[in-house]
Amino acid sequence: MATSLLAVNAKNKLGWAPEEDPIVRMILDGEASSASEAEARYLDSHIEEIVELVNSPMPEEEFRAHPLIMMLFAHGSREWDESLA
């Protein structure tokens, strides 16, 4: 049970565990050289889904809690030290 608690606690505010985080994955795979670049690429690659979310009848609270929307609103403000990338 302690392992599952650690897994839950290890997830970031977007709901991804570090090994699942697409931004981290893009940096580690060499697809982006910084968190900001990775976020921009990820958001660009999901623009159709973002538009669908914007146009959906989803309640405001649920909309703002969606990982793509959270990333869009926080884009560029991730707590990363770009010098480490």
C-alpha atoms as a PDB file:
ATOM      1  CA  MET A   1       0.000   0.000   0.000  1.00  0.00           C
ATOM      2  CA  ALA A   2       2.911   2.390   0.661  1.00  0.00           C
ATOM      3  CA  THR A   3       3.983   2.062  -2.970  1.00  0.00           C
ATOM      4  CA  SER A   4       0.613   3.242  -4.249  1.00  0.00           C
ATOM      5  CA  LEU A   5       0.688   6.190  -1.842  1.00  0.00           C
ATOM      6  CA  LEU A   6       4.145   7.113  -3.125  1.00  0.00           C
ATOM      7  CA  ALA A   7       2.909   6.866  -6.701  1.00  0.00           C
ATOM      8  CA  VAL A   8      -0.008   9.169  -5.943  1.00  0.00           C
ATOM      9  CA  ASN A   9       2.218  11.649  -4.113  1.00  0.00           C
ATOM     10  CA  ALA A  10       4.766  11.591  -6.934  1.00  0.00           C
ATOM     11  CA  LYS A  11       2.254  12.790  -9.520  1.00  0.00           C
ATOM     12  CA  ASN A  12       2.486  16.394 -10.622  1.00  0.00           C
ATOM     13  CA  LYS A  13      -0.387  18.858 -10.656  1.00  0.00           C
ATOM     14  CA  LEU A  14      -1.413  17.683 -14.136  1.00  0.00           C
ATOM     15  CA  GLY A  15      -1.897  14.136 -12.887  1.00  0.00           C
ATOM     16  CA  TRP A  16       1.131  12.543 -14.533  1.00  0.00           C
ATOM     17  CA  ALA A  17       3.710  10.530 -12.662  1.00  0.00           C
ATOM     18  CA  PRO A  18       7.256  11.674 -13.565  1.00  0.00           C
ATOM     19  CA  GLU A  19       7.793   8.713 -15.901  1.00  0.00           C
ATOM     20  CA  GLU A  20       4.476   9.466 -17.681  1.00  0.00           C
ATOM     21  CA  ASP A  21       4.953  13.229 -18.028  1.00  0.00           C
ATOM     22  CA  PRO A  22       5.040  13.998 -21.774  1.00  0.00           C
ATOM     23  CA  ILE A  23       7.106  17.139 -21.218  1.00  0.00           C
ATOM     24  CA  VAL A  24       9.797  15.253 -19.317  1.00  0.00           C
ATOM     25  CA  ARG A  25       9.658  12.484 -21.916  1.00  0.00           C
ATOM     26  CA  MET A  26      10.186  14.964 -24.804  1.00  0.00           C
ATOM     27  CA  ILE A  27      13.235  16.424 -23.064  1.00  0.00           C
ATOM     28  CA  LEU A  28      14.714  13.023 -22.200  1.00  0.00           C
ATOM     29  CA  ASP A  29      14.107  11.766 -25.752  1.00  0.00           C
ATOM     30  CA  GLY A  30      15.853  14.830 -27.190  1.00  0.00           C
ATOM     31  CA  GLU A  31      12.696  16.132 -28.893  1.00  0.00           C
ATOM     32  CA  ALA A  32      12.957  19.444 -27.007  1.00  0.00           C
ATOM     33  CA  SER A  33      15.826  21.274 -25.358  1.00  0.00           C
ATOM     34  CA  SER A  34      13.790  22.991 -22.638  1.00  0.00           C
ATOM     35  CA  ALA A  35      10.552  22.628 -20.712  1.00  0.00           C
ATOM     36  CA  SER A  36       9.141  25.684 -22.455  1.00  0.00           C
ATOM     37  CA  GLU A  37       9.904  24.245 -25.902  1.00  0.00           C
ATOM     38  CA  ALA A  38       8.442  20.857 -24.923  1.00  0.00           C
ATOM     39  CA  GLU A  39       5.258  22.475 -23.586  1.00  0.00           C
ATOM     40  CA  ALA A  40       4.839  24.520 -26.769  1.00  0.00           C
ATOM     41  CA  ARG A  41       5.332  21.444 -28.956  1.00  0.00           C
ATOM     42  CA  TYR A  42       2.958  19.361 -26.851  1.00  0.00           C
ATOM     43  CA  LEU A  43       0.257  22.041 -26.883  1.00  0.00           C
ATOM     44  CA  ASP A  44       0.687  22.553 -30.638  1.00  0.00           C
ATOM     45  CA  SER A  45       0.314  18.834 -31.252  1.00  0.00           C
ATOM     46  CA  HIS A  46      -2.925  18.797 -29.251  1.00  0.00           C
ATOM     47  CA  ILE A  47      -4.497  21.991 -30.585  1.00  0.00           C
ATOM     48  CA  GLU A  48      -7.523  20.179 -32.064  1.00  0.00           C
ATOM     49  CA  GLU A  49      -8.306  18.592 -28.700  1.00  0.00           C
ATOM     50  CA  ILE A  50      -7.901  21.967 -26.974  1.00  0.00           C
ATOM     51  CA  VAL A  51     -10.364  23.547 -29.416  1.00  0.00           C
ATOM     52  CA  GLU A  52     -12.830  20.709 -28.779  1.00  0.00           C
ATOM     53  CA  LEU A  53     -12.503  21.289 -25.037  1.00  0.00           C
ATOM     54  CA  VAL A  54     -13.050  25.035 -25.445  1.00  0.00           C
ATOM     55  CA  ASN A  55     -16.182  24.423 -27.511  1.00  0.00           C
ATOM     56  CA  SER A  56     -17.537  21.681 -25.257  1.00  0.00           C
ATOM     57  CA  PRO A  57     -20.418  22.186 -22.824  1.00  0.00           C
ATOM     58  CA  MET A  58     -18.103  21.045 -20.015  1.00  0.00           C
ATOM     59  CA  PRO A  59     -18.602  22.885 -16.698  1.00  0.00           C
ATOM     60  CA  GLU A  60     -15.974  25.575 -16.017  1.00  0.00           C
ATOM     61  CA  GLU A  61     -14.450  23.748 -13.045  1.00  0.00           C
ATOM     62  CA  GLU A  62     -14.031  20.514 -15.026  1.00  0.00           C
ATOM     63  CA  PHE A  63     -12.674  22.443 -18.030  1.00  0.00           C
ATOM     64  CA  ARG A  64     -10.028  24.200 -15.915  1.00  0.00           C
ATOM     65  CA  ALA A  65      -9.056  20.877 -14.293  1.00  0.00           C
ATOM     66  CA  HIS A  66      -8.354  19.154 -17.623  1.00  0.00           C
ATOM     67  CA  PRO A  67      -4.580  18.499 -17.976  1.00  0.00           C
ATOM     68  CA  LEU A  68      -4.321  20.178 -21.400  1.00  0.00           C
ATOM     69  CA  ILE A  69      -6.123  23.293 -20.215  1.00  0.00           C
ATOM     70  CA  MET A  70      -4.056  23.416 -17.025  1.00  0.00           C
ATOM     71  CA  MET A  71      -0.900  23.213 -19.128  1.00  0.00           C
ATOM     72  CA  LEU A  72      -2.188  25.882 -21.509  1.00  0.00           C
ATOM     73  CA  PHE A  73      -2.931  28.285 -18.648  1.00  0.00           C
ATOM     74  CA  ALA A  74       0.407  27.556 -16.953  1.00  0.00           C
ATOM     75  CA  HIS A  75       2.517  27.449 -20.136  1.00  0.00           C
ATOM     76  CA  GLY A  76       5.926  28.911 -19.439  1.00  0.00           C
ATOM     77  CA  SER A  77       5.510  28.908 -15.686  1.00  0.00           C
ATOM     78  CA  ARG A  78       6.650  25.345 -14.957  1.00  0.00           C
ATOM     79  CA  GLU A  79       9.022  25.134 -12.030  1.00  0.00           C
ATOM     80  CA  TRP A  80      12.058  24.015 -14.002  1.00  0.00           C
ATOM     81  CA  ASP A  81      15.590  25.196 -14.007  1.00  0.00           C
ATOM     82  CA  GLU A  82      16.142  25.628 -17.737  1.00  0.00           C
ATOM     83  CA  SER A  83      19.903  25.608 -17.188  1.00  0.00           C
ATOM     84  CA  LEU A  84      19.675  21.901 -16.341  1.00  0.00           C
ATOM     85  CA  ALA A  85      18.005  20.986 -19.634  1.00  0.00           C
END
